Amino acid sequence: MNLILASILTMGGLSALFAIFLAIMEKRFKVEEDTRIDKITNILPGINCGGCGYGSCRALAEAMVKGEAPLDSCVLGGKVEEIAKILGVKFESGKNEKKIAFIKCGATDSQRRKKAVYEGVESCQAANMIAGGENICPYGCLGYGDCEKVCPFGAITLIEGLPRVDSQKCTGCGKCVEACPRDLISLEYIRDEISYRVACSSLDKGKRARVACSKACIGCGLCVKICPFDASYLENNLAKIDQRNCQRCGLCAWRCPTGAILEYL
């Protein structure tokens, strides 16, 4: 009995000694977290959309405190003035422009020619892996709405098999860009005026492109010829519009024989 009691007392004493040692070490080496991180995290939207380039709003707050991220990094428009006040710095606005998603395909399901009937999983990723889906065009939208499903803000709606973007809801987080297996979505700067963009990604030549889709750019070059500002050009049979030179006259969209150039705001 004495041996058991001695063992218990010894173990208890050692436990207490270790506990005291750990408490001292914890106090000595404790890293105090900057309280500003919590304050900024509470100001940010808390959506954790990743549009800022960080995995979470808290990660962005930490980067702001360290001076590694601009105060206006949040694509949802966090309360920048309040964040600047917490950090004790002066914020200069106008450095970042908002981006929204643009779908580089303008053909609805009925405007795309079919080569087969796809009966697999209704997913763009899955359809693209099985002979490129049912459409003839290997560049266009597959129409199963992977982009709509991943959008955390409800900014994308699938209408007639073609994604439509609500510019008021879109934050430019980029999740739809990652979801599209054909790289048909890009993030474009939003401005306070109308602009024109080519809603097609086909690199096929005229006749072949038109056979595959009635809305395809056929590389005819009429937009290039009619543009008075040298903003339109052809690249790999596909029309492009240089937004730096474009003066928003709309002649390219008016002259395009297939309607592949869209008015965009």
C-alpha atoms as a PDB file:
ATOM      1  CA  MET A   1       0.000   0.000   0.000  1.00  0.00           C
ATOM      2  CA  ASN A   2       2.867   2.336   0.875  1.00  0.00           C
ATOM      3  CA  LEU A   3       4.418   1.658  -2.521  1.00  0.00           C
ATOM      4  CA  ILE A   4       1.153   2.535  -4.314  1.00  0.00           C
ATOM      5  CA  LEU A   5       0.729   5.717  -2.289  1.00  0.00           C
ATOM      6  CA  ALA A   6       4.333   6.712  -2.960  1.00  0.00           C
ATOM      7  CA  SER A   7       3.830   6.159  -6.681  1.00  0.00           C
ATOM      8  CA  ILE A   8       0.671   8.281  -6.698  1.00  0.00           C
ATOM      9  CA  LEU A   9       2.376  11.085  -4.799  1.00  0.00           C
ATOM     10  CA  THR A  10       5.397  10.923  -7.106  1.00  0.00           C
ATOM     11  CA  MET A  11       3.275  11.057 -10.263  1.00  0.00           C
ATOM     12  CA  GLY A  12       1.186  13.879  -8.821  1.00  0.00           C
ATOM     13  CA  GLY A  13       4.299  15.816  -7.921  1.00  0.00           C
ATOM     14  CA  LEU A  14       5.810  15.343 -11.362  1.00  0.00           C
ATOM     15  CA  SER A  15       2.532  16.406 -13.014  1.00  0.00           C
ATOM     16  CA  ALA A  16       2.392  19.547 -10.927  1.00  0.00           C
ATOM     17  CA  LEU A  17       6.046  20.284 -11.710  1.00  0.00           C
ATOM     18  CA  PHE A  18       5.492  19.857 -15.453  1.00  0.00           C
ATOM     19  CA  ALA A  19       2.349  21.985 -15.300  1.00  0.00           C
ATOM     20  CA  ILE A  20       4.273  24.798 -13.588  1.00  0.00           C
ATOM     21  CA  PHE A  21       7.091  24.469 -16.135  1.00  0.00           C
ATOM     22  CA  LEU A  22       4.697  24.592 -19.093  1.00  0.00           C
ATOM     23  CA  ALA A  23       2.876  27.589 -17.627  1.00  0.00           C
ATOM     24  CA  ILE A  24       6.159  29.472 -17.266  1.00  0.00           C
ATOM     25  CA  MET A  25       7.255  28.561 -20.806  1.00  0.00           C
ATOM     26  CA  GLU A  26       3.854  29.496 -22.247  1.00  0.00           C
ATOM     27  CA  LYS A  27       4.002  32.878 -20.572  1.00  0.00           C
ATOM     28  CA  ARG A  28       7.596  33.500 -21.614  1.00  0.00           C
ATOM     29  CA  PHE A  29       7.213  32.478 -25.264  1.00  0.00           C
ATOM     30  CA  LYS A  30       3.617  33.492 -25.848  1.00  0.00           C
ATOM     31  CA  VAL A  31       3.152  35.432 -29.083  1.00  0.00           C
ATOM     32  CA  GLU A  32       0.622  38.193 -28.674  1.00  0.00           C
ATOM     33  CA  GLU A  33      -1.657  38.396 -31.719  1.00  0.00           C
ATOM     34  CA  ASP A  34      -2.253  41.872 -33.032  1.00  0.00           C
ATOM     35  CA  THR A  35      -5.758  42.888 -31.907  1.00  0.00           C
ATOM     36  CA  ARG A  36      -6.153  44.883 -35.117  1.00  0.00           C
ATOM     37  CA  ILE A  37      -6.524  41.618 -37.044  1.00  0.00           C
ATOM     38  CA  ASP A  38      -9.794  40.810 -35.240  1.00  0.00           C
ATOM     39  CA  LYS A  39     -11.069  44.345 -35.677  1.00  0.00           C
ATOM     40  CA  ILE A  40     -10.419  44.331 -39.444  1.00  0.00           C
ATOM     41  CA  THR A  41     -11.820  40.809 -39.823  1.00  0.00           C
ATOM     42  CA  ASN A  42     -15.067  41.985 -38.247  1.00  0.00           C
ATOM     43  CA  ILE A  43     -15.273  44.855 -40.736  1.00  0.00           C
ATOM     44  CA  LEU A  44     -14.711  42.659 -43.799  1.00  0.00           C
ATOM     45  CA  PRO A  45     -17.767  40.924 -45.356  1.00  0.00           C
ATOM     46  CA  GLY A  46     -16.901  37.459 -44.014  1.00  0.00           C
ATOM     47  CA  ILE A  47     -17.827  35.716 -47.279  1.00  0.00           C
ATOM     48  CA  ASN A  48     -14.347  34.207 -47.748  1.00  0.00           C
ATOM     49  CA  CYS A  49     -14.824  34.364 -51.536  1.00  0.00           C
ATOM     50  CA  GLY A  50     -11.103  34.467 -52.329  1.00  0.00           C
ATOM     51  CA  GLY A  51     -11.451  37.342 -54.790  1.00  0.00           C
ATOM     52  CA  CYS A  52      -8.743  39.265 -52.959  1.00  0.00           C
ATOM     53  CA  GLY A  53      -6.230  36.475 -53.504  1.00  0.00           C
ATOM     54  CA  TYR A  54      -6.339  35.229 -49.912  1.00  0.00           C
ATOM     55  CA  GLY A  55      -8.071  32.130 -48.589  1.00  0.00           C
ATOM     56  CA  SER A  56     -10.257  33.934 -46.087  1.00  0.00           C
ATOM     57  CA  CYS A  57     -11.200  37.385 -44.844  1.00  0.00           C
ATOM     58  CA  ARG A  58      -9.050  36.824 -41.767  1.00  0.00           C
ATOM     59  CA  ALA A  59      -6.040  35.960 -43.925  1.00  0.00           C
ATOM     60  CA  LEU A  60      -6.592  39.219 -45.795  1.00  0.00           C
ATOM     61  CA  ALA A  61      -6.836  41.114 -42.490  1.00  0.00           C
ATOM     62  CA  GLU A  62      -3.513  39.636 -41.391  1.00  0.00           C
ATOM     63  CA  ALA A  63      -1.923  40.667 -44.693  1.00  0.00           C
ATOM     64  CA  MET A  64      -3.272  44.210 -44.309  1.00  0.00           C
ATOM     65  CA  VAL A  65      -1.853  44.493 -40.800  1.00  0.00           C
ATOM     66  CA  LYS A  66       1.541  43.284 -42.077  1.00  0.00           C
ATOM     67  CA  GLY A  67       1.377  45.775 -44.941  1.00  0.00           C
ATOM     68  CA  GLU A  68       1.334  42.989 -47.527  1.00  0.00           C
ATOM     69  CA  ALA A  69      -2.097  43.790 -49.025  1.00  0.00           C
ATOM     70  CA  PRO A  70      -3.712  47.091 -50.120  1.00  0.00           C
ATOM     71  CA  LEU A  71      -6.526  48.317 -47.929  1.00  0.00           C
ATOM     72  CA  ASP A  72      -8.968  48.147 -50.852  1.00  0.00           C
ATOM     73  CA  SER A  73      -8.149  44.525 -51.716  1.00  0.00           C
ATOM     74  CA  CYS A  74     -11.644  43.316 -50.839  1.00  0.00           C
ATOM     75  CA  VAL A  75     -13.624  42.983 -54.077  1.00  0.00           C
ATOM     76  CA  LEU A  76     -16.857  43.481 -52.152  1.00  0.00           C
ATOM     77  CA  GLY A  77     -15.695  46.874 -51.005  1.00  0.00           C
ATOM     78  CA  GLY A  78     -14.841  46.495 -47.328  1.00  0.00           C
ATOM     79  CA  LYS A  79     -15.061  49.640 -45.214  1.00  0.00           C
ATOM     80  CA  VAL A  80     -11.692  50.962 -46.308  1.00  0.00           C
ATOM     81  CA  GLU A  81     -11.818  54.199 -44.331  1.00  0.00           C
ATOM     82  CA  GLU A  82     -12.493  52.288 -41.103  1.00  0.00           C
ATOM     83  CA  ILE A  83      -9.661  49.848 -41.846  1.00  0.00           C
ATOM     84  CA  ALA A  84      -7.301  52.770 -42.480  1.00  0.00           C
ATOM     85  CA  LYS A  85      -8.358  54.301 -39.155  1.00  0.00           C
ATOM     86  CA  ILE A  86      -7.636  51.050 -37.297  1.00  0.00           C
ATOM     87  CA  LEU A  87      -4.183  50.843 -38.867  1.00  0.00           C
ATOM     88  CA  GLY A  88      -3.521  54.543 -38.369  1.00  0.00           C
ATOM     89  CA  VAL A  89      -2.758  55.204 -42.011  1.00  0.00           C
ATOM     90  CA  LYS A  90      -4.153  57.446 -44.724  1.00  0.00           C
ATOM     91  CA  PHE A  91      -6.017  55.739 -47.550  1.00  0.00           C
ATOM     92  CA  GLU A  92      -5.766  57.029 -51.112  1.00  0.00           C
ATOM     93  CA  SER A  93      -8.740  55.846 -53.176  1.00  0.00           C
ATOM     94  CA  GLY A  94      -8.855  55.072 -56.888  1.00  0.00           C
ATOM     95  CA  LYS A  95      -6.025  52.547 -57.034  1.00  0.00           C
ATOM     96  CA  ASN A  96      -8.155  49.511 -57.852  1.00  0.00           C
ATOM     97  CA  GLU A  97     -10.934  49.124 -60.402  1.00  0.00           C
ATOM     98  CA  LYS A  98     -13.720  46.617 -60.006  1.00  0.00           C
ATOM     99  CA  LYS A  99     -13.713  43.615 -62.319  1.00  0.00           C
ATOM    100  CA  ILE A 100     -16.668  41.482 -63.336  1.00  0.00           C
ATOM    101  CA  ALA A 101     -16.951  38.211 -65.231  1.00  0.00           C
ATOM    102  CA  PHE A 102     -17.350  38.233 -69.006  1.00  0.00           C
ATOM    103  CA  ILE A 103     -18.471  35.127 -70.912  1.00  0.00           C
ATOM    104  CA  LYS A 104     -16.502  34.745 -74.139  1.00  0.00           C
ATOM    105  CA  CYS A 105     -19.336  32.930 -75.885  1.00  0.00           C
ATOM    106  CA  GLY A 106     -22.610  34.435 -77.033  1.00  0.00           C
ATOM    107  CA  ALA A 107     -24.461  31.394 -78.380  1.00  0.00           C
ATOM    108  CA  THR A 108     -27.508  29.942 -76.675  1.00  0.00           C
ATOM    109  CA  ASP A 109     -28.184  26.225 -76.759  1.00  0.00           C
ATOM    110  CA  SER A 110     -30.359  26.491 -79.885  1.00  0.00           C
ATOM    111  CA  GLN A 111     -27.649  28.411 -81.752  1.00  0.00           C
ATOM    112  CA  ARG A 112     -25.017  25.711 -81.253  1.00  0.00           C
ATOM    113  CA  ARG A 113     -24.903  22.855 -83.746  1.00  0.00           C
ATOM    114  CA  LYS A 114     -24.850  19.364 -82.228  1.00  0.00           C
ATOM    115  CA  LYS A 115     -22.714  16.377 -83.177  1.00  0.00           C
ATOM    116  CA  ALA A 116     -24.202  13.928 -80.678  1.00  0.00           C
ATOM    117  CA  VAL A 117     -26.529  13.594 -77.705  1.00  0.00           C
ATOM    118  CA  TYR A 118     -24.770  13.777 -74.358  1.00  0.00           C
ATOM    119  CA  GLU A 119     -26.458  11.791 -71.583  1.00  0.00           C
ATOM    120  CA  GLY A 120     -23.796  11.817 -68.895  1.00  0.00           C
ATOM    121  CA  VAL A 121     -23.378  13.857 -65.709  1.00  0.00           C
ATOM    122  CA  GLU A 122     -24.737  17.361 -66.266  1.00  0.00           C
ATOM    123  CA  SER A 123     -21.473  19.131 -65.646  1.00  0.00           C
ATOM    124  CA  CYS A 124     -19.249  21.122 -67.997  1.00  0.00           C
ATOM    125  CA  GLN A 125     -16.175  19.425 -66.560  1.00  0.00           C
ATOM    126  CA  ALA A 126     -17.606  15.946 -67.164  1.00  0.00           C
ATOM    127  CA  ALA A 127     -18.968  16.723 -70.644  1.00  0.00           C
ATOM    128  CA  ASN A 128     -15.694  18.272 -71.736  1.00  0.00           C
ATOM    129  CA  MET A 129     -13.822  15.080 -70.801  1.00  0.00           C
ATOM    130  CA  ILE A 130     -16.191  12.906 -72.858  1.00  0.00           C
ATOM    131  CA  ALA A 131     -15.410  13.761 -76.482  1.00  0.00           C
ATOM    132  CA  GLY A 132     -15.797  17.462 -75.724  1.00  0.00           C
ATOM    133  CA  GLY A 133     -19.544  17.276 -75.099  1.00  0.00           C
ATOM    134  CA  GLU A 134     -22.336  17.272 -77.682  1.00  0.00           C
ATOM    135  CA  ASN A 135     -21.596  20.523 -79.527  1.00  0.00           C
ATOM    136  CA  ILE A 136     -19.615  20.690 -82.767  1.00  0.00           C
ATOM    137  CA  CYS A 137     -17.708  23.772 -81.628  1.00  0.00           C
ATOM    138  CA  PRO A 138     -14.759  22.708 -79.450  1.00  0.00           C
ATOM    139  CA  TYR A 139     -14.341  26.240 -78.085  1.00  0.00           C
ATOM    140  CA  GLY A 140     -17.848  27.280 -77.004  1.00  0.00           C
ATOM    141  CA  CYS A 141     -19.889  27.082 -73.826  1.00  0.00           C
ATOM    142  CA  LEU A 142     -21.007  23.575 -72.876  1.00  0.00           C
ATOM    143  CA  GLY A 143     -24.096  24.952 -71.156  1.00  0.00           C
ATOM    144  CA  TYR A 144     -24.309  22.906 -67.946  1.00  0.00           C
ATOM    145  CA  GLY A 145     -23.723  25.827 -65.601  1.00  0.00           C
ATOM    146  CA  ASP A 146     -20.654  24.882 -63.564  1.00  0.00           C
ATOM    147  CA  CYS A 147     -19.995  28.621 -63.291  1.00  0.00           C
ATOM    148  CA  GLU A 148     -23.506  29.248 -61.977  1.00  0.00           C
ATOM    149  CA  LYS A 149     -23.127  26.520 -59.346  1.00  0.00           C
ATOM    150  CA  VAL A 150     -19.863  27.859 -57.902  1.00  0.00           C
ATOM    151  CA  CYS A 151     -20.823  31.546 -57.823  1.00  0.00           C
ATOM    152  CA  PRO A 152     -21.246  32.454 -54.127  1.00  0.00           C
ATOM    153  CA  PHE A 153     -23.165  35.635 -54.915  1.00  0.00           C
ATOM    154  CA  GLY A 154     -25.848  34.387 -57.298  1.00  0.00           C
ATOM    155  CA  ALA A 155     -24.430  36.637 -60.015  1.00  0.00           C
ATOM    156  CA  ILE A 156     -24.625  34.033 -62.792  1.00  0.00           C
ATOM    157  CA  THR A 157     -27.864  32.672 -64.226  1.00  0.00           C
ATOM    158  CA  LEU A 158     -28.081  30.042 -66.955  1.00  0.00           C
ATOM    159  CA  ILE A 159     -30.578  31.147 -69.612  1.00  0.00           C
ATOM    160  CA  GLU A 160     -31.089  28.920 -72.666  1.00  0.00           C
ATOM    161  CA  GLY A 161     -27.858  27.134 -71.826  1.00  0.00           C
ATOM    162  CA  LEU A 162     -25.792  30.340 -71.746  1.00  0.00           C
ATOM    163  CA  PRO A 163     -24.511  31.982 -68.544  1.00  0.00           C
ATOM    164  CA  ARG A 164     -25.667  35.561 -67.969  1.00  0.00           C
ATOM    165  CA  VAL A 165     -23.752  37.754 -65.527  1.00  0.00           C
ATOM    166  CA  ASP A 166     -25.440  40.298 -63.274  1.00  0.00           C
ATOM    167  CA  SER A 167     -22.882  43.113 -63.094  1.00  0.00           C
ATOM    168  CA  GLN A 168     -24.491  44.444 -59.919  1.00  0.00           C
ATOM    169  CA  LYS A 169     -23.996  41.174 -58.046  1.00  0.00           C
ATOM    170  CA  CYS A 170     -20.674  40.060 -59.550  1.00  0.00           C
ATOM    171  CA  THR A 171     -17.674  40.813 -57.334  1.00  0.00           C
ATOM    172  CA  GLY A 172     -14.941  39.510 -59.613  1.00  0.00           C
ATOM    173  CA  CYS A 173     -13.976  36.747 -57.179  1.00  0.00           C
ATOM    174  CA  GLY A 174     -12.882  34.513 -60.063  1.00  0.00           C
ATOM    175  CA  LYS A 175     -14.502  31.259 -58.921  1.00  0.00           C
ATOM    176  CA  CYS A 176     -16.373  30.973 -62.232  1.00  0.00           C
ATOM    177  CA  VAL A 177     -13.099  31.469 -64.124  1.00  0.00           C
ATOM    178  CA  GLU A 178     -11.620  28.454 -62.338  1.00  0.00           C
ATOM    179  CA  ALA A 179     -14.755  26.352 -62.870  1.00  0.00           C
ATOM    180  CA  CYS A 180     -14.940  26.725 -66.659  1.00  0.00           C
ATOM    181  CA  PRO A 181     -13.047  23.866 -68.362  1.00  0.00           C
ATOM    182  CA  ARG A 182     -12.712  25.840 -71.597  1.00  0.00           C
ATOM    183  CA  ASP A 183     -11.377  29.125 -70.193  1.00  0.00           C
ATOM    184  CA  LEU A 184     -14.401  30.987 -71.542  1.00  0.00           C
ATOM    185  CA  ILE A 185     -14.676  33.399 -68.635  1.00  0.00           C
ATOM    186  CA  SER A 186     -12.405  36.359 -68.041  1.00  0.00           C
ATOM    187  CA  LEU A 187     -12.488  39.163 -65.505  1.00  0.00           C
ATOM    188  CA  GLU A 188     -12.932  42.532 -67.186  1.00  0.00           C
ATOM    189  CA  TYR A 189     -12.652  46.018 -65.706  1.00  0.00           C
ATOM    190  CA  ILE A 190     -16.057  47.608 -65.264  1.00  0.00           C
ATOM    191  CA  ARG A 191     -16.399  51.230 -66.263  1.00  0.00           C
ATOM    192  CA  ASP A 192     -19.181  53.775 -66.217  1.00  0.00           C
ATOM    193  CA  GLU A 193     -19.702  53.600 -69.957  1.00  0.00           C
ATOM    194  CA  ILE A 194     -20.656  51.077 -72.603  1.00  0.00           C
ATOM    195  CA  SER A 195     -17.888  49.050 -74.218  1.00  0.00           C
ATOM    196  CA  TYR A 196     -17.799  46.381 -76.908  1.00  0.00           C
ATOM    197  CA  ARG A 197     -16.329  42.904 -76.677  1.00  0.00           C
ATOM    198  CA  VAL A 198     -16.173  39.797 -78.842  1.00  0.00           C
ATOM    199  CA  ALA A 199     -18.370  37.081 -77.328  1.00  0.00           C
ATOM    200  CA  CYS A 200     -16.696  34.188 -79.134  1.00  0.00           C
ATOM    201  CA  SER A 201     -13.572  32.077 -78.621  1.00  0.00           C
ATOM    202  CA  SER A 202     -13.573  29.974 -81.793  1.00  0.00           C
ATOM    203  CA  LEU A 203     -10.297  29.793 -83.673  1.00  0.00           C
ATOM    204  CA  ASP A 204     -11.872  27.978 -86.635  1.00  0.00           C
ATOM    205  CA  LYS A 205     -11.927  29.669 -90.024  1.00  0.00           C
ATOM    206  CA  GLY A 206     -15.080  31.293 -91.362  1.00  0.00           C
ATOM    207  CA  LYS A 207     -17.112  28.503 -92.929  1.00  0.00           C
ATOM    208  CA  ARG A 208     -16.225  25.899 -90.314  1.00  0.00           C
ATOM    209  CA  ALA A 209     -16.951  28.308 -87.461  1.00  0.00           C
ATOM    210  CA  ARG A 210     -20.329  29.252 -88.953  1.00  0.00           C
ATOM    211  CA  VAL A 211     -21.309  25.606 -89.454  1.00  0.00           C
ATOM    212  CA  ALA A 212     -20.639  24.924 -85.769  1.00  0.00           C
ATOM    213  CA  CYS A 213     -22.418  28.026 -84.440  1.00  0.00           C
ATOM    214  CA  SER A 214     -24.616  30.727 -85.904  1.00  0.00           C
ATOM    215  CA  LYS A 215     -23.166  33.315 -83.481  1.00  0.00           C
ATOM    216  CA  ALA A 216     -19.507  32.526 -84.157  1.00  0.00           C
ATOM    217  CA  CYS A 217     -16.923  35.066 -85.217  1.00  0.00           C
ATOM    218  CA  ILE A 218     -16.007  34.056 -88.760  1.00  0.00           C
ATOM    219  CA  GLY A 219     -12.876  36.173 -88.972  1.00  0.00           C
ATOM    220  CA  CYS A 220     -14.222  38.247 -91.863  1.00  0.00           C
ATOM    221  CA  GLY A 221     -12.388  41.368 -90.709  1.00  0.00           C
ATOM    222  CA  LEU A 222     -15.273  43.779 -91.324  1.00  0.00           C
ATOM    223  CA  CYS A 223     -14.920  45.130 -87.791  1.00  0.00           C
ATOM    224  CA  VAL A 224     -11.263  45.860 -88.501  1.00  0.00           C
ATOM    225  CA  LYS A 225     -12.058  47.690 -91.738  1.00  0.00           C
ATOM    226  CA  ILE A 226     -14.856  49.810 -90.303  1.00  0.00           C
ATOM    227  CA  CYS A 227     -13.222  50.830 -86.988  1.00  0.00           C
ATOM    228  CA  PRO A 228     -12.051  54.465 -87.266  1.00  0.00           C
ATOM    229  CA  PHE A 229      -9.821  54.159 -84.205  1.00  0.00           C
ATOM    230  CA  ASP A 230      -7.777  51.039 -85.074  1.00  0.00           C
ATOM    231  CA  ALA A 231      -9.190  49.280 -82.021  1.00  0.00           C
ATOM    232  CA  SER A 232     -10.283  46.079 -83.819  1.00  0.00           C
ATOM    233  CA  TYR A 233      -7.872  43.466 -85.104  1.00  0.00           C
ATOM    234  CA  LEU A 234      -7.755  39.772 -86.009  1.00  0.00           C
ATOM    235  CA  GLU A 235      -5.733  37.164 -84.183  1.00  0.00           C
ATOM    236  CA  ASN A 236      -5.885  33.468 -85.135  1.00  0.00           C
ATOM    237  CA  ASN A 237      -9.105  33.991 -87.134  1.00  0.00           C
ATOM    238  CA  LEU A 238     -10.754  35.666 -84.157  1.00  0.00           C
ATOM    239  CA  ALA A 239     -11.660  39.342 -83.838  1.00  0.00           C
ATOM    240  CA  LYS A 240     -10.264  41.239 -80.863  1.00  0.00           C
ATOM    241  CA  ILE A 241     -10.969  44.729 -79.548  1.00  0.00           C
ATOM    242  CA  ASP A 242      -8.253  46.779 -77.904  1.00  0.00           C
ATOM    243  CA  GLN A 243     -10.079  48.517 -75.059  1.00  0.00           C
ATOM    244  CA  ARG A 244      -7.356  51.154 -74.816  1.00  0.00           C
ATOM    245  CA  ASN A 245      -8.106  52.425 -78.318  1.00  0.00           C
ATOM    246  CA  CYS A 246     -11.840  51.724 -78.443  1.00  0.00           C
ATOM    247  CA  GLN A 247     -13.938  54.893 -78.371  1.00  0.00           C
ATOM    248  CA  ARG A 248     -17.273  53.050 -77.934  1.00  0.00           C
ATOM    249  CA  CYS A 249     -18.722  54.144 -81.262  1.00  0.00           C
ATOM    250  CA  GLY A 250     -20.413  50.752 -81.755  1.00  0.00           C
ATOM    251  CA  LEU A 251     -19.655  50.452 -85.480  1.00  0.00           C
ATOM    252  CA  CYS A 252     -18.016  47.054 -85.017  1.00  0.00           C
ATOM    253  CA  ALA A 253     -21.108  45.594 -83.344  1.00  0.00           C
ATOM    254  CA  TRP A 254     -23.369  47.108 -85.987  1.00  0.00           C
ATOM    255  CA  ARG A 255     -21.314  45.701 -88.875  1.00  0.00           C
ATOM    256  CA  CYS A 256     -20.628  42.208 -87.465  1.00  0.00           C
ATOM    257  CA  PRO A 257     -22.601  39.791 -89.714  1.00  0.00           C
ATOM    258  CA  THR A 258     -23.098  37.174 -86.975  1.00  0.00           C
ATOM    259  CA  GLY A 259     -23.664  39.421 -83.981  1.00  0.00           C
ATOM    260  CA  ALA A 260     -20.533  38.107 -82.249  1.00  0.00           C
ATOM    261  CA  ILE A 261     -19.631  41.570 -80.926  1.00  0.00           C
ATOM    262  CA  LEU A 262     -21.740  42.566 -77.941  1.00  0.00           C
ATOM    263  CA  GLU A 263     -22.466  45.816 -76.156  1.00  0.00           C
ATOM    264  CA  TYR A 264     -21.117  45.354 -72.661  1.00  0.00           C
ATOM    265  CA  LEU A 265     -21.443  47.403 -69.477  1.00  0.00           C
END
